[in-house]
Amino acid sequence: MKKLVSIKTILIAIAFTVFLLFVKDNISVFFSVFGSLLGILTPFLIGFLFAYILSFPYKLFYSKLFAKMGAKRKIFAHLRKPLSLICTYSIVFAVFVVIISIVVPQITVNLVNLFESMPKYFESLADSLSGVVGWINQTFNTNYDAHEILNNLYKNLVSFISIDHITKLAGQTTQEVFNFISATANGFYNLIMGIIISVYFLAAKDELCRLVKKLAVAFLPIRYLPKIYEIVDITDTKCGRFLVGDILDAAFIGILTFVTMSIFQLPYAPLIAVLIGVTNIIPFFGPFIGAIPSAIILFVIDPWDMVVFIIIVVIIQQLDGNIFKPKIIGNQVGLSSFWVLFSVILGGSLFGLFGFILGTPIYAVIYSLVGKKVRNNIKDKGKIAQEALDFEVLNYQKIAEEQKRIREEKELQHKEMLKKLIGLNKHQNETEADEENNTEYNSETEK
């Protein structure tokens, strides 16, 4: 009889239980060690992310433009990979330099003008508020004093930005500022090291993939490998292409926003376009995150500019959701709006900014794998499961009768098998008895 549980399985279960109890009793130490390990591996994670994104233009150079290099002279075959790497990083570096040289000066000028023009904007806002308060008093017969409301706002603003308050606030936030500077320097270091590491990742991509396959084949059961390869393939399709396509789509939306705002002569077009483009990477909530502060800035300048901007953003987002993004990304996600919202909220709650960005493609991988398993299980259950899915023709009595008929057929088959088995045994017994009688008769005859 086959053993239900082996000794090895019991020992593994006991060891895993002891490990969970140890983690529960030392959860703070565990998180501290995990945070330290994550900090050490951050440059490698950033480098892997950069290498994965840049692998798409790298494939274009390696497999298309330089594909015939070394076909006639083998000495040039060794230059194929270095040239592909140089071209890939040169183009990316050139794009970033052009963007920074064009966008950063304009954003700087926009920010300086915004702070210099704030008093004038607040005076205009005060005039608009006075007109609104006057309209409310005339319409609803109230006695609100616009000057008193503005004076209270001004007093609160002056007390907030007073020297004493700023000094007190600065004393309280010195440590936070120091932590921010330290985190910024550490992030810049991780970024530079990630870019350098991405070069090595991309250059040794084939060797690393081969090494991972060797480890998988060596230490994992063969029966699990097809499922693992399927998960890797779906993850590459859902996450990789979605991420690259989402970055391209965000850049396109930022450029389109800048062009449209320039046509309508709206102020601070470069600053707002960059904000809209960067936040558009986040699914579902990204357009709102970028549009709300931009609309507030335009409202302080001129409420009519805010109205025009909102109309522009709504039209661009409709075009993006229905035309641009499906063309750029395609149907890589395969999720409805509800599941996109669910994945963004869940990912953002668990993992912050990275959860907002990667929550949707990761959930799409899980959704695809679970959906395939569900379809296979329904298919294995046959016609009765397909009928149960159709709620318009669902008839529980019919399903019960069908199940009863199937059970009766199986019972009848068992009875027939038992009858045949009993008949076979009876025939065998009669044959054996005849053989014994013949043996006895022959022995007596010989005597």
Protein backbone atom coordinates (compact mmCIF):
# COMPACT_ATOMS: atom_id res chain seq x y z
CA MET A 1 0.00 0.00 0.00
CA LYS A 2 1.29 3.45 -0.93
CA LYS A 3 2.36 5.65 1.99
CA LEU A 4 0.15 8.72 2.39
CA VAL A 5 2.84 10.85 4.08
CA SER A 6 6.56 10.21 3.91
CA ILE A 7 9.07 10.92 6.66
CA LYS A 8 10.71 13.58 4.47
CA THR A 9 7.41 15.46 4.09
CA ILE A 10 6.81 15.38 7.85
CA LEU A 11 10.29 16.74 8.56
CA ILE A 12 9.86 19.54 6.01
CA ALA A 13 6.48 20.50 7.53
CA ILE A 14 7.97 20.55 11.04
CA ALA A 15 10.95 22.66 9.92
CA PHE A 16 8.67 25.13 8.12
CA THR A 17 6.43 25.42 11.20
CA VAL A 18 9.44 26.09 13.44
CA PHE A 19 10.64 28.74 10.97
CA LEU A 20 7.23 30.49 11.01
CA LEU A 21 7.21 30.50 14.82
CA PHE A 22 10.72 31.93 14.85
CA VAL A 23 9.70 34.70 12.42
CA LYS A 24 6.61 35.49 14.52
CA ASP A 25 8.65 35.85 17.71
CA ASN A 26 11.37 37.93 16.00
CA ILE A 27 9.34 39.90 13.47
CA SER A 28 11.19 43.19 14.09
CA VAL A 29 14.58 41.53 13.57
CA PHE A 30 13.27 39.79 10.47
CA PHE A 31 12.08 43.07 8.93
CA SER A 32 15.34 44.78 9.85
CA VAL A 33 17.37 42.04 8.14
CA PHE A 34 15.02 42.07 5.16
CA GLY A 35 15.31 45.87 4.87
CA SER A 36 19.10 45.72 5.02
CA LEU A 37 19.19 42.97 2.40
CA LEU A 38 16.81 44.95 0.19
CA GLY A 39 19.01 48.04 0.53
CA ILE A 40 22.06 46.04 -0.57
CA LEU A 41 20.23 44.54 -3.54
CA THR A 42 18.54 47.81 -4.64
CA PRO A 43 21.22 48.71 -7.26
CA PHE A 44 20.94 45.22 -8.72
CA LEU A 45 17.13 45.46 -8.85
CA ILE A 46 17.35 48.86 -10.56
CA GLY A 47 19.97 47.50 -12.95
CA PHE A 48 17.79 44.50 -13.78
CA LEU A 49 14.81 46.79 -14.43
CA PHE A 50 16.85 49.07 -16.72
CA ALA A 51 18.36 46.08 -18.54
CA TYR A 52 14.93 44.54 -19.05
CA ILE A 53 13.47 47.75 -20.48
CA LEU A 54 16.50 48.37 -22.70
CA SER A 55 16.49 44.77 -23.94
CA PHE A 56 13.80 45.74 -26.46
CA PRO A 57 15.91 48.33 -28.39
CA TYR A 58 18.95 46.08 -27.84
CA LYS A 59 17.16 43.22 -29.65
CA LEU A 60 16.42 45.60 -32.52
CA PHE A 61 20.11 46.34 -33.03
CA TYR A 62 21.39 42.82 -32.30
CA SER A 63 18.78 40.84 -34.28
CA LYS A 64 17.95 43.29 -37.07
CA LEU A 65 20.54 45.97 -37.84
CA PHE A 66 23.67 43.97 -37.00
CA ALA A 67 22.25 40.52 -37.75
CA LYS A 68 24.50 39.93 -40.80
CA MET A 69 27.64 41.19 -39.15
CA GLY A 70 30.26 38.46 -39.22
CA ALA A 71 28.49 36.37 -41.84
CA LYS A 72 31.43 36.63 -44.26
CA ARG A 73 34.26 37.41 -41.86
CA LYS A 74 34.05 35.80 -38.45
CA ILE A 75 36.35 38.41 -36.95
CA PHE A 76 33.51 40.98 -37.07
CA ALA A 77 31.08 38.64 -35.27
CA HIS A 78 32.67 39.59 -31.92
CA LEU A 79 31.79 43.24 -32.53
CA ARG A 80 28.06 42.54 -32.86
CA LYS A 81 27.23 42.62 -29.14
CA PRO A 82 29.45 45.62 -28.18
CA LEU A 83 28.07 47.71 -31.06
CA SER A 84 24.50 46.84 -30.07
CA LEU A 85 25.18 47.87 -26.47
CA ILE A 86 26.90 51.12 -27.52
CA CYS A 87 24.06 52.08 -29.88
CA THR A 88 21.38 51.25 -27.29
CA TYR A 89 22.88 53.29 -24.46
CA SER A 90 23.95 56.11 -26.81
CA ILE A 91 20.40 56.58 -28.07
CA VAL A 92 18.93 56.44 -24.56
CA PHE A 93 21.53 58.89 -23.26
CA ALA A 94 20.93 61.24 -26.21
CA VAL A 95 17.16 61.17 -25.63
CA PHE A 96 17.60 62.01 -21.95
CA VAL A 97 20.05 64.82 -22.73
CA VAL A 98 17.65 66.35 -25.27
CA ILE A 99 14.71 66.08 -22.88
CA ILE A 100 16.66 67.59 -19.99
CA SER A 101 18.12 70.40 -22.11
CA ILE A 102 14.69 71.35 -23.46
CA VAL A 103 12.36 70.65 -20.56
CA VAL A 104 14.38 71.49 -17.43
CA PRO A 105 15.16 75.14 -18.34
CA GLN A 106 11.52 75.78 -19.24
CA ILE A 107 10.31 74.12 -16.05
CA THR A 108 12.77 76.23 -14.04
CA VAL A 109 11.55 79.42 -15.72
CA ASN A 110 7.93 78.38 -15.13
CA LEU A 111 8.55 77.75 -11.42
CA VAL A 112 10.36 81.08 -10.97
CA ASN A 113 7.59 82.97 -12.76
CA LEU A 114 4.97 81.13 -10.73
CA PHE A 115 6.49 82.14 -7.39
CA GLU A 116 7.14 85.71 -8.55
CA SER A 117 3.58 86.11 -9.82
CA MET A 118 1.89 84.58 -6.78
CA PRO A 119 1.03 87.95 -5.15
CA LYS A 120 -0.61 89.16 -8.35
CA TYR A 121 -2.48 85.88 -8.71
CA PHE A 122 -3.73 86.10 -5.14
CA GLU A 123 -4.95 89.65 -5.74
CA SER A 124 -6.87 88.43 -8.77
CA LEU A 125 -8.22 85.55 -6.73
CA ALA A 126 -9.29 87.97 -4.00
CA ASP A 127 -11.20 90.09 -6.54
CA SER A 128 -12.89 86.96 -7.89
CA LEU A 129 -13.77 85.87 -4.33
CA SER A 130 -15.24 89.28 -3.58
CA GLY A 131 -17.42 89.02 -6.67
CA VAL A 132 -18.60 85.53 -5.65
CA VAL A 133 -19.41 86.68 -2.10
CA GLY A 134 -21.33 89.67 -3.49
CA TRP A 135 -23.34 87.40 -5.78
CA ILE A 136 -24.15 85.08 -2.83
CA ASN A 137 -25.30 88.04 -0.72
CA GLN A 138 -27.58 89.33 -3.48
CA THR A 139 -28.98 85.93 -4.40
CA PHE A 140 -29.54 84.42 -0.94
CA ASN A 141 -29.98 87.65 1.07
CA THR A 142 -26.95 87.02 3.27
CA ASN A 143 -24.54 89.46 4.88
CA TYR A 144 -21.11 87.90 4.37
CA ASP A 145 -18.26 90.42 4.45
CA ALA A 146 -15.76 89.64 1.71
CA HIS A 147 -13.08 91.91 3.23
CA GLU A 148 -13.39 90.16 6.60
CA ILE A 149 -13.00 86.74 4.97
CA LEU A 150 -9.94 87.91 3.03
CA ASN A 151 -8.41 89.51 6.13
CA ASN A 152 -8.81 86.27 8.10
CA LEU A 153 -7.18 84.32 5.29
CA TYR A 154 -4.37 86.86 5.11
CA LYS A 155 -3.80 86.74 8.90
CA ASN A 156 -3.66 82.95 8.88
CA LEU A 157 -1.24 83.00 5.96
CA VAL A 158 0.99 85.62 7.61
CA SER A 159 1.03 83.72 10.91
CA PHE A 160 1.91 80.52 9.07
CA ILE A 161 4.86 82.06 7.24
CA SER A 162 6.06 84.19 10.15
CA ILE A 163 9.69 83.99 11.26
CA ASP A 164 8.82 82.40 14.61
CA HIS A 165 6.71 79.71 13.02
CA ILE A 166 9.27 79.01 10.31
CA THR A 167 12.05 78.79 12.94
CA LYS A 168 9.99 76.43 15.07
CA LEU A 169 9.07 74.36 12.04
CA ALA A 170 12.68 74.28 10.90
CA GLY A 171 13.80 73.09 14.31
CA GLN A 172 11.25 70.30 14.21
CA THR A 173 12.06 69.23 10.69
CA THR A 174 15.87 69.37 10.78
CA GLN A 175 16.10 65.62 11.19
CA GLU A 176 13.52 65.08 8.44
CA VAL A 177 15.46 67.35 6.09
CA PHE A 178 18.68 65.51 6.88
CA ASN A 179 16.95 62.19 6.25
CA PHE A 180 15.58 63.53 2.97
CA ILE A 181 19.02 64.66 1.81
CA SER A 182 20.53 61.34 2.83
CA ALA A 183 17.78 59.40 1.05
CA THR A 184 18.23 61.57 -2.06
CA ALA A 185 21.99 60.96 -2.12
CA ASN A 186 21.46 57.24 -1.56
CA GLY A 187 18.87 57.15 -4.35
CA PHE A 188 21.22 58.96 -6.72
CA TYR A 189 23.99 56.47 -5.87
CA ASN A 190 21.63 53.52 -6.45
CA LEU A 191 20.55 55.04 -9.77
CA ILE A 192 24.12 55.47 -11.05
CA MET A 193 25.13 51.99 -9.88
CA GLY A 194 21.94 50.54 -11.39
CA ILE A 195 22.78 52.03 -14.79
CA ILE A 196 26.30 50.59 -14.61
CA ILE A 197 25.03 47.18 -13.50
CA SER A 198 22.40 47.18 -16.26
CA VAL A 199 25.23 47.22 -18.84
CA TYR A 200 26.62 43.99 -17.39
CA PHE A 201 23.14 42.46 -17.13
CA LEU A 202 22.40 43.25 -20.76
CA ALA A 203 25.80 42.07 -21.98
CA ALA A 204 25.53 38.75 -20.10
CA LYS A 205 21.81 38.28 -20.71
CA ASP A 206 22.11 34.98 -22.60
CA GLU A 207 24.60 33.51 -20.13
CA LEU A 208 22.43 34.51 -17.14
CA CYS A 209 19.30 33.03 -18.72
CA ARG A 210 21.19 29.82 -19.43
CA LEU A 211 22.46 29.72 -15.83
CA VAL A 212 18.94 30.18 -14.43
CA LYS A 213 17.66 27.37 -16.66
CA LYS A 214 20.46 25.08 -15.46
CA LEU A 215 19.61 25.81 -11.82
CA ALA A 216 15.91 25.19 -12.48
CA VAL A 217 16.55 21.88 -14.25
CA ALA A 218 19.06 20.77 -11.61
CA PHE A 219 17.04 21.51 -8.47
CA LEU A 220 13.36 21.41 -9.55
CA PRO A 221 11.30 18.37 -10.52
CA ILE A 222 10.98 18.00 -14.28
CA ARG A 223 7.18 17.85 -14.09
CA TYR A 224 7.10 21.44 -12.75
CA LEU A 225 9.28 22.97 -15.48
CA PRO A 226 6.56 23.41 -18.17
CA LYS A 227 4.38 25.34 -15.68
CA ILE A 228 7.36 27.48 -14.59
CA TYR A 229 8.24 28.27 -18.21
CA GLU A 230 4.61 29.18 -18.86
CA ILE A 231 4.57 31.56 -15.87
CA VAL A 232 7.79 33.21 -17.07
CA ASP A 233 6.40 33.62 -20.58
CA ILE A 234 3.11 35.13 -19.36
CA THR A 235 4.99 37.44 -16.97
CA ASP A 236 7.22 38.64 -19.81
CA THR A 237 4.15 39.31 -21.96
CA LYS A 238 2.04 41.00 -19.30
CA CYS A 239 4.66 42.89 -17.26
CA GLY A 240 7.49 43.62 -19.68
CA ARG A 241 5.61 44.74 -22.74
CA PHE A 242 3.03 46.55 -20.60
CA LEU A 243 5.72 48.47 -18.74
CA VAL A 244 7.61 49.50 -21.89
CA GLY A 245 4.38 50.38 -23.70
CA ASP A 246 3.12 52.35 -20.70
CA ILE A 247 6.32 54.45 -20.63
CA LEU A 248 6.00 55.21 -24.35
CA ASP A 249 2.32 56.05 -23.93
CA ALA A 250 3.08 58.39 -21.00
CA ALA A 251 5.74 60.21 -23.05
CA PHE A 252 3.31 60.58 -25.96
CA ILE A 253 0.55 61.93 -23.68
CA GLY A 254 2.98 64.45 -22.15
CA ILE A 255 4.02 65.72 -25.59
CA LEU A 256 0.40 65.89 -26.77
CA THR A 257 -0.59 67.83 -23.64
CA PHE A 258 2.25 70.31 -24.19
CA VAL A 259 1.32 70.85 -27.86
CA THR A 260 -2.39 71.29 -27.09
CA MET A 261 -1.80 73.71 -24.21
CA SER A 262 0.60 75.72 -26.40
CA ILE A 263 -2.05 75.97 -29.14
CA PHE A 264 -4.58 77.35 -26.64
CA GLN A 265 -1.87 79.57 -25.10
CA LEU A 266 -2.33 78.22 -21.58
CA PRO A 267 0.39 79.22 -19.06
CA TYR A 268 3.05 76.86 -17.68
CA ALA A 269 2.59 74.29 -20.48
CA PRO A 270 6.02 72.58 -20.04
CA LEU A 271 5.63 72.18 -16.27
CA ILE A 272 2.09 70.81 -16.49
CA ALA A 273 2.89 68.57 -19.48
CA VAL A 274 5.77 66.91 -17.60
CA LEU A 275 3.54 66.42 -14.55
CA ILE A 276 0.77 64.89 -16.69
CA GLY A 277 3.19 62.62 -18.56
CA VAL A 278 4.99 61.29 -15.46
CA THR A 279 1.81 60.57 -13.51
CA ASN A 280 0.17 58.96 -16.54
CA ILE A 281 2.41 55.90 -15.95
CA ILE A 282 0.19 55.02 -12.97
CA PRO A 283 -2.94 53.25 -14.26
CA PHE A 284 -6.39 54.65 -13.49
CA PHE A 285 -5.36 57.22 -10.83
CA GLY A 286 -2.43 58.73 -12.75
CA PRO A 287 -4.43 61.24 -14.83
CA PHE A 288 -6.19 62.51 -11.69
CA ILE A 289 -2.94 62.79 -9.71
CA GLY A 290 -1.40 64.97 -12.41
CA ALA A 291 -4.50 66.94 -13.42
CA ILE A 292 -5.72 68.09 -9.99
CA PRO A 293 -2.66 70.18 -8.91
CA SER A 294 -2.33 71.51 -12.47
CA ALA A 295 -5.96 72.61 -12.44
CA ILE A 296 -5.44 74.34 -9.06
CA ILE A 297 -2.45 76.29 -10.43
CA LEU A 298 -4.46 77.41 -13.46
CA PHE A 299 -7.46 78.29 -11.27
CA VAL A 300 -5.30 80.67 -9.20
CA ILE A 301 -4.12 82.33 -12.45
CA ASP A 302 -7.41 82.37 -14.34
CA PRO A 303 -10.51 80.16 -13.73
CA TRP A 304 -11.27 80.13 -17.46
CA ASP A 305 -7.83 78.62 -18.18
CA MET A 306 -8.67 75.89 -15.69
CA VAL A 307 -11.93 75.11 -17.52
CA VAL A 308 -10.12 74.88 -20.88
CA PHE A 309 -7.42 72.69 -19.32
CA ILE A 310 -9.97 70.27 -17.84
CA ILE A 311 -11.68 69.93 -21.23
CA ILE A 312 -8.31 69.24 -22.88
CA VAL A 313 -7.37 66.61 -20.29
CA VAL A 314 -10.74 64.84 -20.56
CA ILE A 315 -10.50 64.67 -24.37
CA ILE A 316 -6.87 63.47 -24.31
CA GLN A 317 -7.63 60.79 -21.72
CA GLN A 318 -10.58 59.55 -23.76
CA LEU A 319 -8.40 59.34 -26.86
CA ASP A 320 -5.65 57.65 -24.84
CA GLY A 321 -7.94 55.05 -23.28
CA ASN A 322 -9.76 54.16 -26.49
CA ILE A 323 -7.20 54.71 -29.27
CA PHE A 324 -3.61 55.43 -28.23
CA LYS A 325 -3.02 52.96 -25.40
CA PRO A 326 -4.66 49.96 -27.17
CA LYS A 327 -2.48 50.69 -30.23
CA ILE A 328 0.75 51.11 -28.24
CA ILE A 329 0.27 48.41 -25.59
CA GLY A 330 -2.35 46.21 -27.24
CA ASN A 331 -4.44 43.82 -25.19
CA GLN A 332 -1.53 42.79 -22.99
CA VAL A 333 -3.38 43.23 -19.69
CA GLY A 334 -6.75 41.67 -20.49
CA LEU A 335 -8.43 43.12 -17.38
CA SER A 336 -11.70 44.98 -17.03
CA SER A 337 -11.83 48.47 -15.47
CA PHE A 338 -12.95 47.03 -12.14
CA TRP A 339 -9.95 44.69 -11.86
CA VAL A 340 -7.58 47.48 -12.94
CA LEU A 341 -8.95 49.65 -10.13
CA PHE A 342 -8.71 46.74 -7.68
CA SER A 343 -5.11 45.92 -8.64
CA VAL A 344 -3.98 49.56 -8.44
CA ILE A 345 -5.51 50.08 -4.97
CA LEU A 346 -4.19 46.76 -3.63
CA GLY A 347 -0.70 47.22 -5.12
CA GLY A 348 -0.42 50.81 -3.93
CA SER A 349 -1.56 49.90 -0.42
CA LEU A 350 0.99 47.08 -0.13
CA PHE A 351 4.03 48.39 -2.03
CA GLY A 352 3.56 52.14 -2.51
CA LEU A 353 4.62 53.75 -5.79
CA PHE A 354 5.97 50.52 -7.30
CA GLY A 355 2.71 48.83 -6.39
CA PHE A 356 0.77 51.56 -8.22
CA ILE A 357 2.85 51.05 -11.37
CA LEU A 358 3.38 47.26 -11.36
CA GLY A 359 0.21 46.17 -9.55
CA THR A 360 -1.86 45.93 -12.74
CA PRO A 361 0.51 43.77 -14.86
CA ILE A 362 1.35 41.47 -11.92
CA TYR A 363 -2.33 40.99 -11.16
CA ALA A 364 -2.90 40.35 -14.87
CA VAL A 365 -0.41 37.45 -14.68
CA ILE A 366 -2.24 35.93 -11.70
CA TYR A 367 -5.61 36.53 -13.38
CA SER A 368 -4.42 34.82 -16.58
CA LEU A 369 -3.05 31.74 -14.77
CA VAL A 370 -6.13 31.33 -12.57
CA GLY A 371 -8.42 31.85 -15.57
CA LYS A 372 -6.65 29.12 -17.52
CA LYS A 373 -6.94 26.73 -14.58
CA VAL A 374 -10.66 27.49 -14.23
CA ARG A 375 -11.29 26.90 -17.94
CA ASN A 376 -9.44 23.58 -17.85
CA ASN A 377 -11.40 22.40 -14.78
CA ILE A 378 -14.73 23.35 -16.38
CA LYS A 379 -13.72 21.58 -19.58
CA ASP A 380 -12.83 18.42 -17.62
CA LYS A 381 -16.27 18.37 -15.99
CA GLY A 382 -17.90 18.10 -19.40
CA LYS A 383 -21.25 19.15 -20.81
CA ILE A 384 -23.04 19.45 -17.50
CA ALA A 385 -20.61 22.16 -16.31
CA GLN A 386 -21.05 24.11 -19.55
CA GLU A 387 -24.84 24.02 -19.09
CA ALA A 388 -24.50 25.14 -15.47
CA LEU A 389 -22.60 28.24 -16.64
CA ASP A 390 -25.49 29.39 -18.83
CA PHE A 391 -27.80 31.04 -16.32
CA GLU A 392 -30.51 31.70 -18.91
CA VAL A 393 -31.17 27.99 -19.47
CA LEU A 394 -30.03 26.79 -16.06
CA ASN A 395 -32.32 24.05 -14.75
CA TYR A 396 -31.21 22.49 -11.49
CA GLN A 397 -33.73 19.62 -11.87
CA LYS A 398 -32.29 18.75 -15.24
CA ILE A 399 -28.77 18.81 -13.80
CA ALA A 400 -29.85 16.61 -10.89
CA GLU A 401 -31.52 14.13 -13.26
CA GLU A 402 -28.45 14.07 -15.47
CA GLN A 403 -26.22 13.39 -12.48
CA LYS A 404 -28.60 10.63 -11.32
CA ARG A 405 -28.51 9.07 -14.78
CA ILE A 406 -24.72 9.17 -14.82
CA ARG A 407 -24.61 7.50 -11.38
CA GLU A 408 -27.07 4.80 -12.48
CA GLU A 409 -25.02 4.12 -15.59
CA LYS A 410 -21.88 3.77 -13.50
CA GLU A 411 -23.66 1.46 -11.03
CA LEU A 412 -24.98 -0.65 -13.91
CA GLN A 413 -21.49 -0.89 -15.36
CA HIS A 414 -20.17 -2.03 -11.97
CA LYS A 415 -22.94 -4.65 -11.72
CA GLU A 416 -22.16 -5.95 -15.18
CA MET A 417 -18.50 -6.15 -14.33
CA LEU A 418 -19.34 -8.05 -11.13
CA LYS A 419 -21.60 -10.45 -13.02
CA LYS A 420 -18.91 -11.09 -15.57
CA LEU A 421 -16.38 -11.54 -12.83
CA ILE A 422 -18.68 -13.96 -10.94
CA GLY A 423 -19.48 -15.83 -14.16
CA LEU A 424 -15.81 -16.04 -15.02
CA ASN A 425 -14.97 -17.37 -11.59
CA LYS A 426 -17.79 -19.95 -11.83
CA HIS A 427 -16.55 -21.02 -15.23
CA GLN A 428 -13.03 -21.28 -13.90
CA ASN A 429 -14.20 -23.36 -10.94
CA GLU A 430 -16.14 -25.72 -13.24
CA THR A 431 -13.13 -26.05 -15.53
CA GLU A 432 -10.85 -26.80 -12.61
CA ALA A 433 -13.33 -29.42 -11.27
CA ASP A 434 -13.51 -31.08 -14.71
CA GLU A 435 -9.75 -31.12 -14.91
CA GLU A 436 -9.52 -32.75 -11.48
CA ASN A 437 -12.13 -35.40 -12.44
CA ASN A 438 -10.29 -36.12 -15.67
CA THR A 439 -7.05 -36.45 -13.76
CA GLU A 440 -8.59 -38.89 -11.27
CA TYR A 441 -10.20 -40.93 -14.09
CA ASN A 442 -6.94 -41.16 -15.98
CA SER A 443 -5.05 -42.30 -12.88
CA GLU A 444 -7.61 -44.99 -12.15
CA THR A 445 -7.49 -46.17 -15.75
CA GLU A 446 -3.72 -46.46 -15.63
CA LYS A 447 -3.98 -48.53 -12.48
